[in-house]
Protein backbone atom coordinates (compact mmCIF):
# COMPACT_ATOMS: atom_id res chain seq x y z
CA MET A 1 -57.73 89.01 53.80
CA ASN A 2 -60.30 86.14 54.03
CA ASP A 3 -63.23 87.11 55.30
CA PRO A 4 -64.51 83.97 57.54
CA ASN A 5 -68.23 84.73 56.37
CA PRO A 6 -68.12 84.67 52.71
CA THR A 7 -71.06 86.54 50.39
CA PRO A 8 -73.53 84.11 49.34
CA ASP A 9 -72.65 84.77 45.38
CA ALA A 10 -68.81 83.59 46.26
CA PRO A 11 -67.79 80.36 44.62
CA PRO A 12 -66.93 77.83 47.24
CA ALA A 13 -63.95 77.14 48.59
CA PRO A 14 -61.95 74.24 46.30
CA ALA A 15 -62.31 70.68 47.56
CA PRO A 16 -58.78 69.58 48.73
CA ALA A 17 -58.11 66.81 45.99
CA GLU A 18 -58.42 63.29 46.70
CA HIS A 19 -55.27 62.64 45.73
CA PRO A 20 -52.54 65.31 45.96
CA HIS A 21 -49.98 63.89 44.75
CA ALA A 22 -49.12 61.78 41.11
CA VAL A 23 -50.84 58.21 40.81
CA LEU A 24 -49.13 55.48 39.88
CA GLU A 25 -50.90 52.45 39.38
CA LEU A 26 -48.78 49.61 40.10
CA GLU A 27 -51.31 46.85 39.22
CA ARG A 28 -50.68 48.06 35.71
CA PHE A 29 -47.59 49.48 35.25
CA LEU A 30 -45.17 47.14 33.49
CA PRO A 31 -41.70 46.88 35.39
CA TYR A 32 -43.70 45.95 38.49
CA ARG A 33 -45.87 43.66 36.96
CA LEU A 34 -42.60 41.93 35.79
CA SER A 35 -40.11 42.31 38.65
CA VAL A 36 -43.62 40.33 40.48
CA LEU A 37 -43.76 38.17 37.73
CA SER A 38 -40.53 37.33 37.53
CA ASN A 39 -40.16 36.86 41.32
CA ARG A 40 -42.87 34.92 41.69
CA ILE A 41 -41.60 32.74 38.70
CA SER A 42 -38.39 31.74 39.96
CA GLN A 43 -39.02 31.46 43.86
CA THR A 44 -41.69 28.56 42.63
CA ILE A 45 -38.58 27.23 40.55
CA ALA A 46 -36.31 27.96 43.32
CA HIS A 47 -38.27 25.90 45.81
CA LEU A 48 -37.45 23.05 43.71
CA TYR A 49 -33.41 22.79 43.84
CA ASP A 50 -33.73 25.04 47.12
CA GLN A 51 -35.03 21.70 48.70
CA ARG A 52 -32.99 19.41 46.98
CA PHE A 53 -29.52 21.01 46.88
CA GLY A 54 -30.01 24.09 49.10
CA LEU A 55 -29.25 26.42 46.57
CA ALA A 56 -30.47 30.30 46.69
CA ILE A 57 -32.22 32.26 43.42
CA THR A 58 -28.34 33.87 43.37
CA GLU A 59 -27.04 30.93 43.66
CA TRP A 60 -28.27 29.34 40.82
CA ARG A 61 -28.43 31.87 38.53
CA ILE A 62 -24.35 32.55 39.22
CA MET A 63 -24.00 28.74 38.28
CA ALA A 64 -26.18 28.62 35.42
CA VAL A 65 -24.42 31.09 33.50
CA LEU A 66 -21.32 29.26 34.26
CA GLY A 67 -22.64 26.30 32.94
CA ARG A 68 -23.44 28.22 29.01
CA PHE A 69 -20.66 30.54 29.89
CA SER A 70 -17.43 29.14 31.41
CA GLY A 71 -14.84 31.30 32.23
CA LEU A 72 -16.28 34.35 33.39
CA SER A 73 -15.36 37.06 35.87
CA ALA A 74 -17.63 37.30 38.74
CA GLY A 75 -18.57 41.06 37.27
CA GLU A 76 -19.17 39.17 34.09
CA VAL A 77 -21.28 37.53 35.62
CA ALA A 78 -23.49 39.52 37.63
CA GLU A 79 -23.83 42.06 33.78
CA ARG A 80 -25.07 38.85 32.53
CA THR A 81 -27.32 38.56 35.17
CA ALA A 82 -28.73 42.11 35.97
CA MET A 83 -27.72 41.28 39.93
CA ASP A 84 -26.07 43.35 42.38
CA LYS A 85 -21.98 42.58 42.32
CA VAL A 86 -22.16 42.69 46.52
CA ALA A 87 -24.79 39.82 45.87
CA VAL A 88 -22.61 37.88 43.28
CA SER A 89 -19.78 38.53 45.08
CA ARG A 90 -21.25 36.79 48.04
CA ALA A 91 -22.96 33.96 46.09
CA VAL A 92 -19.48 33.16 44.67
CA ALA A 93 -18.06 32.95 48.12
CA LYS A 94 -20.51 30.59 49.27
CA LEU A 95 -20.68 28.13 45.54
CA LEU A 96 -16.82 28.56 46.07
CA GLU A 97 -16.69 27.28 49.75
CA ARG A 98 -19.54 24.28 48.65
CA GLY A 99 -17.13 23.45 45.62
CA LEU A 100 -19.77 23.76 43.15
CA ILE A 101 -17.38 26.65 41.37
CA MET A 102 -13.92 27.31 40.96
CA ARG A 103 -11.76 30.27 40.38
CA ASP A 104 -8.48 30.25 38.38
CA THR A 105 -6.63 32.44 37.30
CA HIS A 106 -7.61 34.05 33.59
CA GLY A 107 -4.56 32.36 30.83
CA ASP A 108 -3.79 36.21 29.33
CA ASP A 109 -4.22 38.27 31.88
CA ARG A 110 -3.07 37.03 35.88
CA ARG A 111 -4.83 39.97 37.49
CA ARG A 112 -8.04 38.83 36.26
CA SER A 113 -9.48 35.67 37.95
CA VAL A 114 -12.24 33.68 36.41
CA LEU A 115 -14.76 31.32 37.41
CA ALA A 116 -16.12 27.72 36.12
CA LEU A 117 -18.01 24.60 37.22
CA SER A 118 -16.63 21.96 39.66
CA GLU A 119 -17.11 18.70 38.46
CA VAL A 120 -19.59 18.91 41.07
CA GLY A 121 -21.00 21.82 40.46
CA TYR A 122 -21.33 20.14 36.83
CA SER A 123 -23.77 17.48 38.49
CA VAL A 124 -26.01 19.46 40.50
CA TYR A 125 -26.29 21.61 37.17
CA ASP A 126 -27.33 18.21 35.24
CA GLU A 127 -30.01 17.67 37.60
CA VAL A 128 -31.52 21.53 37.88
CA ALA A 129 -30.85 22.54 34.82
CA PRO A 130 -33.50 20.35 33.16
CA MET A 131 -35.83 20.77 36.76
CA THR A 132 -35.85 24.23 35.44
CA LEU A 133 -36.32 23.55 31.86
CA GLU A 134 -39.99 21.61 33.33
CA CYS A 135 -41.13 24.44 35.08
CA GLU A 136 -40.88 26.41 32.12
CA ARG A 137 -41.80 24.32 29.59
CA ARG A 138 -45.20 23.22 32.22
CA LEU A 139 -45.28 27.28 32.62
CA LEU A 140 -45.81 28.11 28.93
CA SER A 141 -48.00 24.81 28.03
CA ALA A 142 -50.61 27.30 28.44
CA PHE A 143 -49.62 28.82 25.12
CA SER A 144 -49.54 28.10 21.74
CA PRO A 145 -46.31 27.46 19.56
CA GLU A 146 -46.69 30.95 18.16
CA GLU A 147 -48.04 32.95 21.16
CA ARG A 148 -44.97 31.30 22.74
CA GLN A 149 -42.68 32.63 20.01
CA GLN A 150 -44.33 35.97 20.02
CA ILE A 151 -43.72 35.65 24.14
CA SER A 152 -39.79 35.83 23.33
CA LEU A 153 -39.82 38.41 20.31
CA LEU A 154 -42.01 40.89 23.00
CA ILE A 155 -39.28 40.23 26.01
CA ASP A 156 -36.18 40.92 23.03
CA LYS A 157 -38.24 43.63 22.23
CA LEU A 158 -38.38 45.25 26.31
CA SER A 159 -34.37 44.08 26.44
CA ASP A 160 -33.45 46.13 22.89
CA GLY A 161 -35.75 49.58 24.45
CA VAL A 162 -33.36 48.71 27.80
CA VAL A 163 -30.76 49.10 25.66
CA HIS A 164 -32.13 52.29 24.21
CA MET A 165 -32.98 54.36 27.09
CA THR A 166 -30.33 52.97 29.41
CA GLY A 167 -27.10 52.24 26.85
CA SER A 168 -26.46 49.50 28.41
CA THR A 169 -27.07 45.53 26.98
CA PRO A 170 -28.71 42.88 28.55
CA TRP A 171 -28.60 39.67 28.20
CA LYS A 172 -30.35 37.90 25.19
CA GLN A 173 -30.79 34.60 24.16
CA SER A 174 -28.98 35.15 21.64
CA ASP A 175 -25.62 35.02 23.35
């Protein structure tokens, strides 16, 4: 039974914890910080190509991948970009509708469709790619060549860490 009037010798009741739950300091949590940074960079760059070409981030990422690796399926694009398959499918439909990409059947497997930039798509790609590279150059201009190389190596190590955690292979610069 709890005595409503404890004796003076009884220890005080413990104060309720200020934070009874686990503490996750998002501002120090690396995945969160990388995500926020990535979103800010992507949105800054996207503003440029959205204004000029009416492209969303997802649409440009698909075009960028197809500009480098033509003939991929939508699933392969989703895998390379780590984007949701539904988001990729919607963006592919928009790009097809605008004539920026083409869909064809794979030569050996008529059931498999592959994507490629159209001539119009390449003309947009040839304008947007240099814009994005210039943004990257400006972003990294505060770093020495050694620091830029170190950033690249650290990102590769983080990617390798994801492989060890999940068993999946993320896209790497060396592809």
